[in-house]
Amino acid sequence: MDSLKTLPQTTWSERLSGILAGALTLLGTLSILGWLTHSDILLHPLAGLAPIKFNGAISILFIGITMLGLEFKIQRAIWFVLVPIAVNLITLGQYVMNANWHIDELFMSDLQVIDTMYPGRVSLTTSLVFFLISSALLLKGFSKPNQFKLTVEAIIGSIAGSAGFSTLVGYAADLPAVYTWGTGTAPARPRRQSRHWAY
């Protein structure tokens, strides 16, 4: 039976990518449900952690959906990534222009204002990472593998990783200027003060 074709085997990296995509989709969905229902259990699955902003949850959800689609070879799923690209590009524009274009609470009022000058706004670091990851997924979905594409993806991954690492170092060393990147909004972190709902 030499003529029988062997089934393609899934590599460990593909399995890991699929697990990550599923986890992001689940996290984004639960966070959005938490905001819609005002559920403490969903907003704070791990005690002591600040909730993910609603726009951040939307970004996580659509990044996860896009990754799942690419894993299952559903090419049209790449269009979902345009949502986090648009949301975070506008957010980054607000930081650059020092403006408030009222997108931060466009979908949901921020009921928990923690470490931010603008209710509902995702931090600069988080928004940059979401934008970079979304852009890398868009590049992956619309172009064939080549050396240039792999190089760009590696650069984007390095920048996103460095941004996340610098934030962790800033929190560990208690350096607000590092983890806020000079803005008035910090990424989600362990809360030192009791949370409050602002109705």
Protein backbone atom coordinates (compact mmCIF):
# COMPACT_ATOMS: atom_id res chain seq x y z
CA MET A 1 0.00 0.00 0.00
CA ASP A 2 2.78 2.40 -0.86
CA SER A 3 0.35 4.41 -2.94
CA LEU A 4 -1.60 5.54 0.13
CA LYS A 5 -0.87 9.14 1.03
CA THR A 6 0.06 9.96 4.58
CA LEU A 7 -1.97 12.59 6.38
CA PRO A 8 -0.18 15.89 7.03
CA GLN A 9 1.05 16.13 10.59
CA THR A 10 0.50 19.20 12.71
CA THR A 11 3.68 20.73 14.09
CA TRP A 12 4.02 21.85 17.70
CA SER A 13 4.18 25.50 16.59
CA GLU A 14 0.90 25.14 14.70
CA ARG A 15 -0.72 23.53 17.73
CA LEU A 16 0.57 26.29 19.97
CA SER A 17 -0.72 28.93 17.56
CA GLY A 18 -4.14 27.30 17.50
CA ILE A 19 -4.28 27.14 21.30
CA LEU A 20 -3.25 30.80 21.55
CA ALA A 21 -5.89 31.82 19.00
CA GLY A 22 -8.58 29.97 20.92
CA ALA A 23 -7.43 31.46 24.23
CA LEU A 24 -7.49 35.02 22.82
CA THR A 25 -10.95 34.51 21.34
CA LEU A 26 -12.24 33.19 24.66
CA LEU A 27 -10.57 35.98 26.67
CA GLY A 28 -11.97 38.68 24.40
CA THR A 29 -15.46 37.17 24.48
CA LEU A 30 -15.52 36.83 28.27
CA SER A 31 -14.21 40.38 28.75
CA ILE A 32 -16.86 41.84 26.46
CA LEU A 33 -19.58 39.84 28.24
CA GLY A 34 -18.17 41.12 31.54
CA TRP A 35 -18.56 44.73 30.43
CA LEU A 36 -22.04 44.14 29.00
CA THR A 37 -23.30 42.40 32.13
CA HIS A 38 -21.15 44.29 34.70
CA SER A 39 -19.97 40.90 35.95
CA ASP A 40 -17.06 41.08 38.39
CA ILE A 41 -16.31 37.41 37.81
CA LEU A 42 -15.79 37.96 34.09
CA LEU A 43 -14.01 41.29 34.42
CA HIS A 44 -11.72 40.05 37.17
CA PRO A 45 -11.12 36.31 36.58
CA LEU A 46 -7.84 36.67 38.47
CA ALA A 47 -8.23 38.54 41.74
CA GLY A 48 -6.26 41.78 41.92
CA LEU A 49 -5.96 42.39 38.18
CA ALA A 50 -7.45 45.47 36.56
CA PRO A 51 -10.04 44.75 33.83
CA ILE A 52 -9.23 44.87 30.13
CA LYS A 53 -10.71 48.00 28.54
CA PHE A 54 -13.69 47.36 26.26
CA ASN A 55 -11.83 48.46 23.12
CA GLY A 56 -8.95 46.24 24.18
CA ALA A 57 -11.33 43.30 24.55
CA ILE A 58 -12.66 43.95 21.04
CA SER A 59 -9.09 43.94 19.70
CA ILE A 60 -8.25 40.69 21.49
CA LEU A 61 -11.44 39.02 20.23
CA PHE A 62 -10.92 39.94 16.58
CA ILE A 63 -7.21 39.11 16.67
CA GLY A 64 -8.14 35.70 18.06
CA ILE A 65 -10.86 35.15 15.43
CA THR A 66 -8.42 36.11 12.67
CA MET A 67 -5.78 33.71 13.98
CA LEU A 68 -8.34 30.90 14.21
CA GLY A 69 -9.44 31.59 10.65
CA LEU A 70 -5.88 31.47 9.35
CA GLU A 71 -5.25 28.23 11.26
CA PHE A 72 -8.26 26.63 9.56
CA LYS A 73 -7.30 28.07 6.16
CA ILE A 74 -10.34 30.37 6.02
CA GLN A 75 -8.88 33.19 3.96
CA ARG A 76 -11.85 35.53 4.40
CA ALA A 77 -11.23 35.62 8.14
CA ILE A 78 -8.34 38.00 7.50
CA TRP A 79 -10.87 40.83 7.12
CA PHE A 80 -11.68 40.61 10.83
CA VAL A 81 -8.23 41.98 11.65
CA LEU A 82 -9.18 45.33 10.13
CA VAL A 83 -11.26 46.02 13.26
CA PRO A 84 -8.32 46.05 15.74
CA ILE A 85 -6.16 47.83 13.16
CA ALA A 86 -8.69 50.66 12.85
CA VAL A 87 -9.47 50.91 16.59
CA ASN A 88 -5.82 50.98 17.64
CA LEU A 89 -4.68 53.23 14.80
CA ILE A 90 -7.20 55.83 15.95
CA THR A 91 -6.14 55.33 19.57
CA LEU A 92 -2.49 55.84 18.63
CA GLY A 93 -3.51 58.94 16.70
CA GLN A 94 -5.11 60.34 19.84
CA TYR A 95 -1.87 59.85 21.77
CA VAL A 96 0.26 61.42 19.01
CA MET A 97 -2.08 64.40 18.56
CA ASN A 98 -2.81 64.66 22.31
CA ALA A 99 -6.49 64.65 21.39
CA ASN A 100 -9.74 63.01 22.40
CA TRP A 101 -11.78 61.81 19.42
CA HIS A 102 -14.32 60.08 21.69
CA ILE A 103 -13.65 56.57 20.41
CA ASP A 104 -12.60 55.32 23.85
CA GLU A 105 -16.17 55.05 25.11
CA LEU A 106 -17.88 54.77 21.73
CA PHE A 107 -19.12 51.23 22.38
CA MET A 108 -19.18 51.11 26.18
CA SER A 109 -18.86 53.62 29.03
CA ASP A 110 -15.85 52.91 31.24
CA LEU A 111 -17.27 52.03 34.64
CA GLN A 112 -13.87 51.42 36.23
CA VAL A 113 -11.50 54.35 35.83
CA ILE A 114 -8.07 53.13 36.94
CA ASP A 115 -4.67 54.64 36.07
CA THR A 116 -5.94 56.73 33.16
CA MET A 117 -6.63 60.33 32.20
CA TYR A 118 -9.15 59.20 29.57
CA PRO A 119 -11.88 56.75 30.63
CA GLY A 120 -12.04 53.74 28.33
CA ARG A 121 -8.73 54.41 26.60
CA VAL A 122 -6.34 51.54 26.09
CA SER A 123 -2.76 52.39 27.10
CA LEU A 124 -0.24 53.52 24.50
CA THR A 125 1.84 50.37 24.96
CA THR A 126 -1.13 48.03 24.64
CA SER A 127 -2.53 49.86 21.64
CA LEU A 128 0.84 49.78 19.88
CA VAL A 129 1.22 46.04 20.49
CA PHE A 130 -2.32 45.33 19.25
CA PHE A 131 -1.72 47.43 16.14
CA LEU A 132 1.59 45.71 15.36
CA ILE A 133 0.19 42.20 15.86
CA SER A 134 -2.86 43.02 13.72
CA SER A 135 -0.65 44.45 10.97
CA ALA A 136 1.51 41.31 11.02
CA LEU A 137 -1.59 39.13 10.67
CA LEU A 138 -2.80 41.26 7.75
CA LEU A 139 0.59 40.89 6.09
CA LYS A 140 0.52 37.14 6.68
CA GLY A 141 -2.95 36.76 5.22
CA PHE A 142 -2.44 38.78 2.05
CA SER A 143 1.03 37.82 0.91
CA LYS A 144 2.90 34.64 0.07
CA PRO A 145 5.79 33.53 2.30
CA ASN A 146 9.10 35.13 1.32
CA GLN A 147 12.23 36.39 3.02
CA PHE A 148 11.08 40.02 3.14
CA LYS A 149 7.76 39.07 4.74
CA LEU A 150 9.48 36.87 7.33
CA THR A 151 11.91 39.69 8.15
CA VAL A 152 9.10 42.22 8.62
CA GLU A 153 7.16 39.78 10.82
CA ALA A 154 10.29 39.19 12.92
CA ILE A 155 10.83 42.94 13.34
CA ILE A 156 7.19 43.49 14.32
CA GLY A 157 7.39 40.61 16.80
CA SER A 158 10.57 42.03 18.32
CA ILE A 159 9.09 45.51 18.73
CA ALA A 160 5.88 44.13 20.28
CA GLY A 161 7.87 41.89 22.62
CA SER A 162 10.16 44.73 23.64
CA ALA A 163 7.19 46.99 24.39
CA GLY A 164 5.63 44.35 26.61
CA PHE A 165 8.92 43.57 28.37
CA SER A 166 9.68 47.23 29.07
CA THR A 167 6.22 47.59 30.63
CA LEU A 168 6.86 44.63 32.94
CA VAL A 169 10.23 46.08 33.94
CA GLY A 170 8.59 49.45 34.63
CA TYR A 171 6.05 47.84 36.95
CA ALA A 172 8.69 45.71 38.67
CA ALA A 173 10.89 48.76 39.29
CA ASP A 174 7.91 51.02 40.07
CA LEU A 175 8.80 53.48 37.32
CA PRO A 176 5.57 55.08 36.03
CA ALA A 177 7.42 56.96 33.28
CA VAL A 178 8.43 53.59 31.81
CA TYR A 179 5.14 51.71 31.91
CA THR A 180 3.01 54.70 30.89
CA TRP A 181 5.45 55.77 28.15
CA GLY A 182 5.03 59.36 29.26
CA THR A 183 1.23 59.31 28.94
CA GLY A 184 -1.45 59.46 31.61
CA THR A 185 -2.71 55.94 30.91
CA ALA A 186 -1.14 52.72 32.17
CA PRO A 187 -1.66 49.17 30.88
CA ALA A 188 -3.81 46.84 32.98
CA ARG A 189 -1.91 45.82 36.09
CA PRO A 190 -2.42 44.45 39.59
CA ARG A 191 -4.61 46.92 41.46
CA ARG A 192 -3.31 48.41 44.69
CA GLN A 193 -6.57 50.20 45.45
CA SER A 194 -10.06 48.86 45.76
CA ARG A 195 -12.04 49.05 42.53
CA HIS A 196 -15.19 51.09 42.20
CA TRP A 197 -18.05 51.26 39.74
CA ALA A 198 -18.71 54.76 38.43
CA TYR A 199 -22.35 54.81 37.45
